[in-house]
């Protein structure tokens, strides 16, 4: 179940807002400039589905986003709890950072926690299967895949080189809850 928790950036122990209602999540994130949608596959997808099968199942939604936002590259990324470098991969994006282009992720399976630091608030968005999130370029954020990651996500890019993380040096991420 998708879930949004909003905190004041200086009070990580007391949420200002918390909800699993998709309409409320969309509304709150829209006000903060974040796109959040729910998509449905046009074909069955499971953990063994190939990149081609996944992209075909969501082709109309992907094409719509490519047309709207000019994305030119689309791929699929998967990570499982058996990956030997899962701890290092998790650590990689736990510090606050930005990107020079939008970070667009659609979760085909599993989950991930996007933590967005916007205008004195932290928006923690637990994205689950069928959730699309688009974090605009320059938005400070961090991402947690959990200690036992299990997810497959579609990624869209204007330029994959623009997706390199630019770390802010802030310790804010260490003060907020993460996935188990």
N, C-alpha and C. Protein backbone atom coordinates (compact mmCIF):
# COMPACT_ATOMS: atom_id res chain seq x y z
N UNK A 1 0.84 -1.17 0.00
CA UNK A 1 0.00 0.00 0.00
C UNK A 1 0.89 1.24 0.00
N UNK A 2 0.64 2.14 -0.94
CA UNK A 2 1.36 3.42 -1.00
C UNK A 2 1.06 4.19 0.27
N UNK A 3 2.05 4.99 0.69
CA UNK A 3 1.87 5.74 1.94
C UNK A 3 2.69 7.03 1.88
N UNK A 4 2.10 8.11 2.34
CA UNK A 4 2.79 9.39 2.42
C UNK A 4 2.79 9.86 3.86
N UNK A 5 3.98 10.24 4.34
CA UNK A 5 4.13 10.88 5.64
C UNK A 5 4.87 12.18 5.41
N UNK A 6 4.34 13.26 5.98
CA UNK A 6 4.98 14.58 5.86
C UNK A 6 5.42 15.03 7.25
N UNK A 7 6.67 15.47 7.32
CA UNK A 7 7.25 15.96 8.57
C UNK A 7 7.73 17.39 8.37
N UNK A 8 7.83 18.15 9.43
CA UNK A 8 8.61 19.37 9.41
C UNK A 8 10.06 18.92 9.33
N UNK A 9 10.87 19.60 8.56
CA UNK A 9 12.27 19.19 8.38
C UNK A 9 13.06 19.19 9.68
N UNK A 10 12.60 19.93 10.67
CA UNK A 10 13.33 19.96 11.95
C UNK A 10 12.62 19.17 13.05
N UNK A 11 11.61 18.35 12.68
CA UNK A 11 10.91 17.54 13.68
C UNK A 11 10.57 16.16 13.10
N UNK A 12 11.58 15.27 13.03
CA UNK A 12 11.37 13.96 12.40
C UNK A 12 10.56 12.96 13.23
N UNK A 13 10.20 13.32 14.46
CA UNK A 13 9.47 12.36 15.30
C UNK A 13 7.96 12.60 15.31
N UNK A 14 7.52 13.73 14.74
CA UNK A 14 6.10 14.06 14.79
C UNK A 14 5.56 14.37 13.39
N UNK A 15 4.87 13.42 12.75
CA UNK A 15 4.33 13.69 11.41
C UNK A 15 3.28 14.79 11.42
N UNK A 16 3.30 15.60 10.36
CA UNK A 16 2.28 16.63 10.15
C UNK A 16 1.08 16.05 9.40
N UNK A 17 1.34 14.99 8.62
CA UNK A 17 0.33 14.37 7.78
C UNK A 17 0.76 12.94 7.51
N UNK A 18 -0.21 12.03 7.47
CA UNK A 18 0.07 10.63 7.11
C UNK A 18 -1.19 10.04 6.49
N UNK A 19 -1.01 9.36 5.34
CA UNK A 19 -2.18 8.79 4.68
C UNK A 19 -1.77 7.72 3.67
N UNK A 20 -2.66 6.74 3.51
CA UNK A 20 -2.52 5.75 2.44
C UNK A 20 -3.57 5.98 1.35
N UNK A 21 -4.37 7.02 1.49
CA UNK A 21 -5.39 7.36 0.50
C UNK A 21 -4.70 7.96 -0.73
N UNK A 22 -4.84 7.28 -1.87
CA UNK A 22 -4.12 7.71 -3.07
C UNK A 22 -4.49 9.13 -3.49
N UNK A 23 -5.77 9.48 -3.42
CA UNK A 23 -6.19 10.84 -3.80
C UNK A 23 -5.53 11.88 -2.90
N UNK A 24 -5.44 11.61 -1.61
CA UNK A 24 -4.79 12.53 -0.67
C UNK A 24 -3.29 12.62 -0.94
N UNK A 25 -2.68 11.49 -1.27
CA UNK A 25 -1.25 11.47 -1.60
C UNK A 25 -0.99 12.32 -2.84
N UNK A 26 -1.79 12.10 -3.89
CA UNK A 26 -1.64 12.86 -5.13
C UNK A 26 -1.78 14.35 -4.85
N UNK A 27 -2.79 14.73 -4.09
CA UNK A 27 -3.04 16.14 -3.79
C UNK A 27 -1.87 16.78 -3.04
N UNK A 28 -1.41 16.12 -1.98
CA UNK A 28 -0.31 16.66 -1.18
C UNK A 28 0.98 16.79 -2.02
N UNK A 29 1.27 15.76 -2.80
CA UNK A 29 2.49 15.80 -3.60
C UNK A 29 2.39 16.81 -4.74
N UNK A 30 1.22 16.92 -5.32
CA UNK A 30 1.01 17.89 -6.39
C UNK A 30 1.28 19.31 -5.88
N UNK A 31 0.82 19.60 -4.67
CA UNK A 31 1.06 20.92 -4.06
C UNK A 31 2.55 21.19 -3.87
N UNK A 32 3.33 20.12 -3.73
CA UNK A 32 4.78 20.26 -3.55
C UNK A 32 5.53 20.16 -4.88
N UNK A 33 4.80 20.03 -5.99
CA UNK A 33 5.43 19.96 -7.31
C UNK A 33 5.89 18.58 -7.73
N UNK A 34 5.38 17.55 -7.07
CA UNK A 34 5.77 16.16 -7.36
C UNK A 34 4.63 15.44 -8.06
N UNK A 35 4.94 14.75 -9.13
CA UNK A 35 3.94 13.96 -9.85
C UNK A 35 3.88 12.57 -9.24
N UNK A 36 2.66 12.11 -8.96
CA UNK A 36 2.43 10.77 -8.42
C UNK A 36 1.19 10.22 -9.09
N UNK A 37 1.30 9.03 -9.67
CA UNK A 37 0.19 8.39 -10.37
C UNK A 37 0.19 6.90 -10.09
N UNK A 38 -0.94 6.27 -10.37
CA UNK A 38 -1.06 4.81 -10.32
C UNK A 38 -1.29 4.33 -11.76
N UNK A 39 -0.51 3.35 -12.19
CA UNK A 39 -0.65 2.76 -13.53
C UNK A 39 -1.06 1.30 -13.39
N UNK A 40 -1.68 0.78 -14.41
CA UNK A 40 -2.03 -0.64 -14.47
C UNK A 40 -1.42 -1.27 -15.72
N UNK A 41 -0.87 -2.46 -15.57
CA UNK A 41 -0.27 -3.18 -16.70
C UNK A 41 -1.36 -3.65 -17.65
N UNK A 42 -1.01 -3.72 -18.93
CA UNK A 42 -1.94 -4.26 -19.93
C UNK A 42 -1.71 -5.75 -20.14
N UNK A 43 -0.70 -6.30 -19.44
CA UNK A 43 -0.39 -7.73 -19.53
C UNK A 43 0.16 -8.17 -18.17
N UNK A 44 0.04 -9.47 -17.85
CA UNK A 44 0.56 -9.95 -16.57
C UNK A 44 2.08 -9.76 -16.47
N UNK A 45 2.53 -9.32 -15.30
CA UNK A 45 3.95 -9.10 -15.01
C UNK A 45 4.29 -9.83 -13.72
N UNK A 46 5.46 -10.47 -13.69
CA UNK A 46 5.93 -11.08 -12.44
C UNK A 46 7.44 -10.91 -12.34
N UNK A 47 8.04 -11.49 -11.32
CA UNK A 47 9.48 -11.32 -11.06
C UNK A 47 10.35 -11.88 -12.18
N UNK A 48 9.81 -12.78 -12.98
CA UNK A 48 10.59 -13.37 -14.07
C UNK A 48 10.38 -12.66 -15.41
N UNK A 49 9.54 -11.65 -15.45
CA UNK A 49 9.28 -10.94 -16.70
C UNK A 49 10.55 -10.24 -17.19
N UNK A 50 10.74 -10.27 -18.50
CA UNK A 50 11.91 -9.63 -19.10
C UNK A 50 11.69 -8.13 -19.21
N UNK A 51 12.77 -7.41 -19.44
CA UNK A 51 12.67 -5.96 -19.64
C UNK A 51 11.70 -5.66 -20.77
N UNK A 52 11.80 -6.41 -21.86
CA UNK A 52 10.93 -6.18 -23.02
C UNK A 52 9.46 -6.40 -22.67
N UNK A 53 9.16 -7.46 -21.93
CA UNK A 53 7.78 -7.73 -21.53
C UNK A 53 7.23 -6.61 -20.63
N UNK A 54 8.05 -6.15 -19.71
CA UNK A 54 7.64 -5.08 -18.80
C UNK A 54 7.37 -3.79 -19.57
N UNK A 55 8.29 -3.42 -20.44
CA UNK A 55 8.12 -2.19 -21.22
C UNK A 55 6.90 -2.27 -22.13
N UNK A 56 6.64 -3.44 -22.69
CA UNK A 56 5.47 -3.61 -23.55
C UNK A 56 4.17 -3.50 -22.74
N UNK A 57 4.15 -4.03 -21.55
CA UNK A 57 2.94 -4.01 -20.71
C UNK A 57 2.55 -2.58 -20.31
N UNK A 58 3.51 -1.67 -20.28
CA UNK A 58 3.26 -0.29 -19.88
C UNK A 58 3.53 0.69 -21.03
N UNK A 59 3.56 0.19 -22.25
CA UNK A 59 3.95 1.00 -23.41
C UNK A 59 3.13 2.27 -23.57
N UNK A 60 1.83 2.20 -23.40
CA UNK A 60 1.01 3.41 -23.64
C UNK A 60 1.31 4.48 -22.59
N UNK A 61 1.48 4.10 -21.32
CA UNK A 61 1.81 5.06 -20.28
C UNK A 61 3.21 5.65 -20.50
N UNK A 62 4.16 4.80 -20.88
CA UNK A 62 5.52 5.25 -21.14
C UNK A 62 5.53 6.23 -22.31
N UNK A 63 4.82 5.88 -23.39
CA UNK A 63 4.77 6.76 -24.56
C UNK A 63 4.15 8.12 -24.22
N UNK A 64 3.13 8.09 -23.38
CA UNK A 64 2.49 9.34 -22.95
C UNK A 64 3.49 10.23 -22.22
N UNK A 65 4.24 9.65 -21.28
CA UNK A 65 5.24 10.43 -20.53
C UNK A 65 6.36 10.92 -21.44
N UNK A 66 6.80 10.08 -22.36
CA UNK A 66 7.86 10.49 -23.29
C UNK A 66 7.41 11.68 -24.12
N UNK A 67 6.17 11.65 -24.57
CA UNK A 67 5.63 12.75 -25.37
C UNK A 67 5.50 14.02 -24.53
N UNK A 68 4.96 13.89 -23.33
CA UNK A 68 4.75 15.04 -22.45
C UNK A 68 6.06 15.70 -22.01
N UNK A 69 7.03 14.90 -21.63
CA UNK A 69 8.23 15.42 -20.97
C UNK A 69 9.53 15.28 -21.78
N UNK A 70 9.45 14.68 -22.96
CA UNK A 70 10.62 14.58 -23.80
C UNK A 70 11.64 13.54 -23.39
N UNK A 71 11.23 12.56 -22.59
CA UNK A 71 12.17 11.51 -22.20
C UNK A 71 12.55 10.69 -23.42
N UNK A 72 13.83 10.35 -23.52
CA UNK A 72 14.31 9.62 -24.69
C UNK A 72 14.81 8.22 -24.36
N UNK A 73 15.15 7.98 -23.11
CA UNK A 73 15.69 6.68 -22.70
C UNK A 73 14.79 6.06 -21.64
N UNK A 74 14.50 4.77 -21.82
CA UNK A 74 13.68 4.04 -20.86
C UNK A 74 14.39 2.71 -20.60
N UNK A 75 14.48 2.32 -19.32
CA UNK A 75 15.03 1.00 -19.01
C UNK A 75 14.32 0.44 -17.79
N UNK A 76 14.72 -0.75 -17.41
CA UNK A 76 14.15 -1.44 -16.25
C UNK A 76 15.30 -1.82 -15.33
N UNK A 77 15.15 -1.53 -14.04
CA UNK A 77 16.15 -1.89 -13.05
C UNK A 77 15.49 -2.81 -12.01
N UNK A 78 16.20 -3.85 -11.61
CA UNK A 78 15.70 -4.78 -10.59
C UNK A 78 16.78 -5.01 -9.56
N UNK A 79 16.34 -5.20 -8.33
CA UNK A 79 17.27 -5.54 -7.26
C UNK A 79 16.56 -6.50 -6.32
N UNK A 80 17.28 -7.53 -5.92
CA UNK A 80 16.69 -8.51 -5.00
C UNK A 80 17.53 -8.60 -3.73
N UNK A 81 16.93 -9.19 -2.71
CA UNK A 81 17.61 -9.32 -1.42
C UNK A 81 18.82 -10.25 -1.48
N UNK A 82 18.95 -11.01 -2.55
CA UNK A 82 20.10 -11.92 -2.68
C UNK A 82 21.29 -11.24 -3.36
N UNK A 83 21.15 -9.99 -3.77
CA UNK A 83 22.25 -9.29 -4.45
C UNK A 83 23.42 -9.13 -3.48
N UNK A 84 24.63 -9.51 -3.86
CA UNK A 84 25.77 -9.46 -2.93
C UNK A 84 26.18 -8.06 -2.51
N UNK A 85 25.81 -7.03 -3.28
CA UNK A 85 26.18 -5.66 -2.94
C UNK A 85 24.98 -4.82 -2.49
N UNK A 86 23.95 -5.49 -1.98
CA UNK A 86 22.72 -4.77 -1.61
C UNK A 86 22.97 -3.69 -0.56
N UNK A 87 23.81 -3.95 0.43
CA UNK A 87 24.07 -2.95 1.48
C UNK A 87 24.77 -1.72 0.90
N UNK A 88 25.74 -1.93 0.04
CA UNK A 88 26.46 -0.81 -0.57
C UNK A 88 25.54 -0.03 -1.51
N UNK A 89 24.71 -0.73 -2.24
CA UNK A 89 23.76 -0.06 -3.14
C UNK A 89 22.75 0.77 -2.34
N UNK A 90 22.32 0.24 -1.21
CA UNK A 90 21.38 0.99 -0.36
C UNK A 90 22.04 2.28 0.14
N UNK A 91 23.25 2.17 0.65
CA UNK A 91 23.96 3.31 1.20
C UNK A 91 24.17 4.42 0.17
N UNK A 92 24.31 4.03 -1.06
CA UNK A 92 24.64 4.96 -2.15
C UNK A 92 23.69 6.16 -2.24
N UNK A 93 22.41 5.93 -1.99
CA UNK A 93 21.43 7.00 -2.16
C UNK A 93 20.73 7.40 -0.87
N UNK A 94 21.27 7.01 0.29
CA UNK A 94 20.66 7.38 1.57
C UNK A 94 21.02 8.80 2.02
N UNK A 95 21.98 9.42 1.39
CA UNK A 95 22.34 10.81 1.72
C UNK A 95 21.58 11.75 0.79
N UNK A 96 21.24 12.93 1.31
CA UNK A 96 20.50 13.90 0.52
C UNK A 96 21.30 14.30 -0.72
N UNK A 97 20.59 14.35 -1.86
CA UNK A 97 21.21 14.70 -3.13
C UNK A 97 20.19 15.29 -4.09
N UNK A 98 20.68 15.77 -5.21
CA UNK A 98 19.83 16.25 -6.30
C UNK A 98 20.32 15.61 -7.59
N UNK A 99 19.53 15.80 -8.64
CA UNK A 99 19.93 15.39 -10.00
C UNK A 99 19.67 16.56 -10.93
N UNK A 100 20.41 16.62 -12.03
CA UNK A 100 20.22 17.72 -12.98
C UNK A 100 19.07 17.46 -13.94
N UNK A 101 18.42 16.31 -13.81
CA UNK A 101 17.20 16.04 -14.57
C UNK A 101 16.20 15.32 -13.69
N UNK A 102 14.97 15.21 -14.15
CA UNK A 102 13.93 14.55 -13.38
C UNK A 102 14.33 13.12 -13.03
N UNK A 103 13.90 12.67 -11.85
CA UNK A 103 14.05 11.26 -11.48
C UNK A 103 12.66 10.66 -11.56
N UNK A 104 12.45 9.84 -12.57
CA UNK A 104 11.14 9.25 -12.83
C UNK A 104 11.26 7.75 -12.61
N UNK A 105 10.43 7.23 -11.70
CA UNK A 105 10.43 5.80 -11.40
C UNK A 105 9.00 5.29 -11.35
N UNK A 106 8.80 4.15 -11.99
CA UNK A 106 7.52 3.45 -11.91
C UNK A 106 7.79 2.07 -11.36
N UNK A 107 7.16 1.73 -10.24
CA UNK A 107 7.42 0.46 -9.56
C UNK A 107 6.53 -0.64 -10.15
N UNK A 108 7.18 -1.59 -10.80
CA UNK A 108 6.51 -2.74 -11.39
C UNK A 108 6.24 -3.80 -10.32
N UNK A 109 7.18 -3.93 -9.38
CA UNK A 109 7.01 -4.83 -8.24
C UNK A 109 7.86 -4.30 -7.09
N UNK A 110 7.49 -4.71 -5.88
CA UNK A 110 8.25 -4.32 -4.70
C UNK A 110 7.96 -2.89 -4.27
N UNK A 111 8.97 -2.29 -3.59
CA UNK A 111 8.75 -0.96 -3.02
C UNK A 111 10.06 -0.21 -2.85
N UNK A 112 9.92 1.09 -2.63
CA UNK A 112 11.05 1.96 -2.32
C UNK A 112 10.52 3.22 -1.65
N UNK A 113 11.34 3.84 -0.81
CA UNK A 113 10.94 5.02 -0.05
C UNK A 113 11.68 6.25 -0.57
N UNK A 114 10.93 7.16 -1.19
CA UNK A 114 11.49 8.44 -1.61
C UNK A 114 11.25 9.45 -0.50
N UNK A 115 12.30 10.16 -0.11
CA UNK A 115 12.22 11.18 0.93
C UNK A 115 12.62 12.50 0.28
N UNK A 116 11.66 13.42 0.20
CA UNK A 116 11.83 14.67 -0.53
C UNK A 116 11.89 15.83 0.46
N UNK A 117 12.94 16.63 0.38
CA UNK A 117 13.14 17.77 1.27
C UNK A 117 12.76 19.03 0.51
N UNK A 118 11.54 19.55 0.78
CA UNK A 118 10.99 20.66 0.01
C UNK A 118 10.39 21.70 0.96
N UNK A 119 10.86 22.93 0.84
CA UNK A 119 10.29 24.07 1.59
C UNK A 119 10.10 23.79 3.08
N UNK A 120 11.14 23.29 3.73
CA UNK A 120 11.10 23.08 5.17
C UNK A 120 10.34 21.85 5.63
N UNK A 121 9.96 21.01 4.68
CA UNK A 121 9.26 19.77 5.01
C UNK A 121 9.97 18.58 4.37
N UNK A 122 9.73 17.40 4.96
CA UNK A 122 10.21 16.15 4.38
C UNK A 122 8.99 15.31 4.06
N UNK A 123 8.86 14.96 2.79
CA UNK A 123 7.76 14.13 2.29
C UNK A 123 8.33 12.73 2.09
N UNK A 124 7.89 11.77 2.90
CA UNK A 124 8.33 10.39 2.73
C UNK A 124 7.23 9.64 1.98
N UNK A 125 7.57 9.22 0.76
CA UNK A 125 6.61 8.57 -0.12
C UNK A 125 7.01 7.11 -0.27
N UNK A 126 6.23 6.21 0.33
CA UNK A 126 6.47 4.78 0.16
C UNK A 126 5.79 4.38 -1.13
N UNK A 127 6.58 4.14 -2.15
CA UNK A 127 6.08 3.74 -3.46
C UNK A 127 6.04 2.22 -3.53
N UNK A 128 4.93 1.71 -4.02
CA UNK A 128 4.72 0.27 -4.14
C UNK A 128 4.39 -0.06 -5.60
N UNK A 129 4.15 -1.33 -5.85
CA UNK A 129 3.79 -1.77 -7.20
C UNK A 129 2.67 -0.91 -7.75
N UNK A 130 2.81 -0.47 -8.99
CA UNK A 130 1.87 0.37 -9.75
C UNK A 130 1.98 1.86 -9.46
N UNK A 131 2.97 2.29 -8.66
CA UNK A 131 3.16 3.70 -8.36
C UNK A 131 4.20 4.32 -9.28
N UNK A 132 3.87 5.50 -9.81
CA UNK A 132 4.80 6.31 -10.57
C UNK A 132 5.08 7.57 -9.76
N UNK A 133 6.36 7.90 -9.61
CA UNK A 133 6.75 9.16 -8.98
C UNK A 133 7.74 9.85 -9.91
N UNK A 134 7.58 11.17 -10.02
CA UNK A 134 8.49 11.98 -10.81
C UNK A 134 8.98 13.12 -9.93
N UNK A 135 10.26 13.06 -9.60
CA UNK A 135 10.90 14.06 -8.76
C UNK A 135 11.61 15.05 -9.69
N UNK A 136 11.17 16.31 -9.70
CA UNK A 136 11.76 17.29 -10.63
C UNK A 136 13.26 17.49 -10.39
N UNK A 137 13.96 17.81 -11.48
CA UNK A 137 15.39 18.12 -11.40
C UNK A 137 15.62 19.17 -10.33
N UNK A 138 16.70 19.00 -9.57
CA UNK A 138 17.08 19.97 -8.55
C UNK A 138 16.40 19.80 -7.21
N UNK A 139 15.45 18.87 -7.09
CA UNK A 139 14.75 18.63 -5.82
C UNK A 139 15.66 17.84 -4.89
N UNK A 140 15.89 18.35 -3.67
CA UNK A 140 16.72 17.61 -2.72
C UNK A 140 15.92 16.42 -2.18
N UNK A 141 16.57 15.28 -2.15
CA UNK A 141 15.90 14.05 -1.74
C UNK A 141 16.92 12.96 -1.43
N UNK A 142 16.42 11.85 -0.89
CA UNK A 142 17.19 10.62 -0.73
C UNK A 142 16.23 9.47 -0.96
N UNK A 143 16.80 8.29 -1.16
CA UNK A 143 16.00 7.11 -1.50
C UNK A 143 16.47 5.93 -0.67
N UNK A 144 15.50 5.17 -0.13
CA UNK A 144 15.82 3.97 0.63
C UNK A 144 15.12 2.77 0.01
N UNK A 145 15.90 1.76 -0.31
CA UNK A 145 15.35 0.53 -0.87
C UNK A 145 15.17 -0.54 0.21
N UNK A 146 15.55 -0.24 1.46
CA UNK A 146 15.41 -1.18 2.56
C UNK A 146 16.60 -2.12 2.67
N UNK A 147 16.69 -2.81 3.80
CA UNK A 147 17.82 -3.71 4.04
C UNK A 147 17.71 -5.01 3.25
N UNK A 148 16.50 -5.36 2.84
CA UNK A 148 16.26 -6.55 2.01
C UNK A 148 15.51 -6.13 0.75
N UNK A 149 16.18 -5.41 -0.15
CA UNK A 149 15.49 -4.84 -1.31
C UNK A 149 14.87 -5.90 -2.22
N UNK A 150 13.68 -5.60 -2.68
CA UNK A 150 12.97 -6.42 -3.66
C UNK A 150 12.14 -5.48 -4.51
N UNK A 151 12.68 -5.08 -5.65
CA UNK A 151 11.88 -4.20 -6.51
C UNK A 151 12.34 -4.30 -7.96
N UNK A 152 11.41 -3.96 -8.83
CA UNK A 152 11.66 -3.75 -10.24
C UNK A 152 11.00 -2.43 -10.59
N UNK A 153 11.74 -1.57 -11.27
CA UNK A 153 11.21 -0.25 -11.61
C UNK A 153 11.60 0.13 -13.04
N UNK A 154 10.68 0.83 -13.68
CA UNK A 154 10.95 1.44 -14.98
C UNK A 154 11.53 2.82 -14.71
N UNK A 155 12.60 3.16 -15.43
CA UNK A 155 13.23 4.47 -15.28
C UNK A 155 13.15 5.19 -16.62
N UNK A 156 12.85 6.48 -16.58
CA UNK A 156 12.81 7.30 -17.79
C UNK A 156 13.81 8.44 -17.65
N UNK A 157 14.53 8.74 -18.74
CA UNK A 157 15.57 9.77 -18.72
C UNK A 157 15.49 10.65 -19.96
N UNK A 158 15.91 11.91 -19.80
CA UNK A 158 16.22 12.76 -20.95
C UNK A 158 17.65 12.48 -21.38
N UNK A 159 18.52 12.32 -20.37
CA UNK A 159 19.93 12.04 -20.60
C UNK A 159 20.44 11.28 -19.38
N UNK A 160 20.74 9.99 -19.52
CA UNK A 160 21.19 9.22 -18.35
C UNK A 160 22.38 9.84 -17.62
N UNK A 161 23.20 10.61 -18.30
CA UNK A 161 24.33 11.27 -17.65
C UNK A 161 23.85 12.33 -16.66
N UNK A 162 22.67 12.88 -16.88
CA UNK A 162 22.11 13.88 -15.98
C UNK A 162 21.55 13.29 -14.71
N UNK A 163 21.53 11.98 -14.63
CA UNK A 163 20.96 11.33 -13.46
C UNK A 163 22.00 11.08 -12.37
N UNK A 164 23.20 11.54 -12.55
CA UNK A 164 24.26 11.37 -11.55
C UNK A 164 23.88 12.19 -10.31
N UNK A 165 24.05 11.57 -9.13
CA UNK A 165 23.69 12.24 -7.88
C UNK A 165 24.70 13.33 -7.54
N UNK A 166 24.19 14.49 -7.13
CA UNK A 166 25.00 15.60 -6.64
C UNK A 166 24.65 15.74 -5.16
N UNK A 167 25.52 15.25 -4.29
CA UNK A 167 25.24 15.19 -2.85
C UNK A 167 25.37 16.58 -2.22
N UNK A 168 24.43 16.90 -1.31
CA UNK A 168 24.38 18.23 -0.69
C UNK A 168 25.32 18.36 0.50
N UNK A 169 25.70 17.26 1.12
CA UNK A 169 26.53 17.31 2.32
C UNK A 169 25.72 17.45 3.60
N UNK A 170 24.41 17.59 3.48
CA UNK A 170 23.55 17.71 4.65
C UNK A 170 23.40 16.35 5.34
N UNK A 171 23.21 16.40 6.66
CA UNK A 171 22.99 15.16 7.42
C UNK A 171 21.50 14.92 7.69
N UNK A 172 20.61 15.67 7.06
CA UNK A 172 19.19 15.58 7.34
C UNK A 172 18.64 14.16 7.20
N UNK A 173 19.10 13.43 6.20
CA UNK A 173 18.56 12.08 5.95
C UNK A 173 18.78 11.15 7.14
N UNK A 174 19.84 11.35 7.88
CA UNK A 174 20.15 10.46 9.01
C UNK A 174 19.19 10.65 10.18
N UNK A 175 18.40 11.71 10.16
CA UNK A 175 17.48 12.01 11.26
C UNK A 175 16.06 11.48 11.04
N UNK A 176 15.79 10.94 9.87
CA UNK A 176 14.43 10.49 9.54
C UNK A 176 14.35 8.97 9.44
N UNK A 177 13.17 8.41 9.73
CA UNK A 177 13.02 6.95 9.67
C UNK A 177 13.23 6.41 8.26
N UNK A 178 13.72 5.17 8.20
CA UNK A 178 13.95 4.48 6.93
C UNK A 178 13.13 3.20 6.90
N UNK A 179 13.20 2.50 5.79
CA UNK A 179 12.58 1.18 5.69
C UNK A 179 13.34 0.18 6.56
N UNK A 180 12.67 -0.85 7.00
CA UNK A 180 13.32 -1.89 7.82
C UNK A 180 14.34 -2.65 7.01
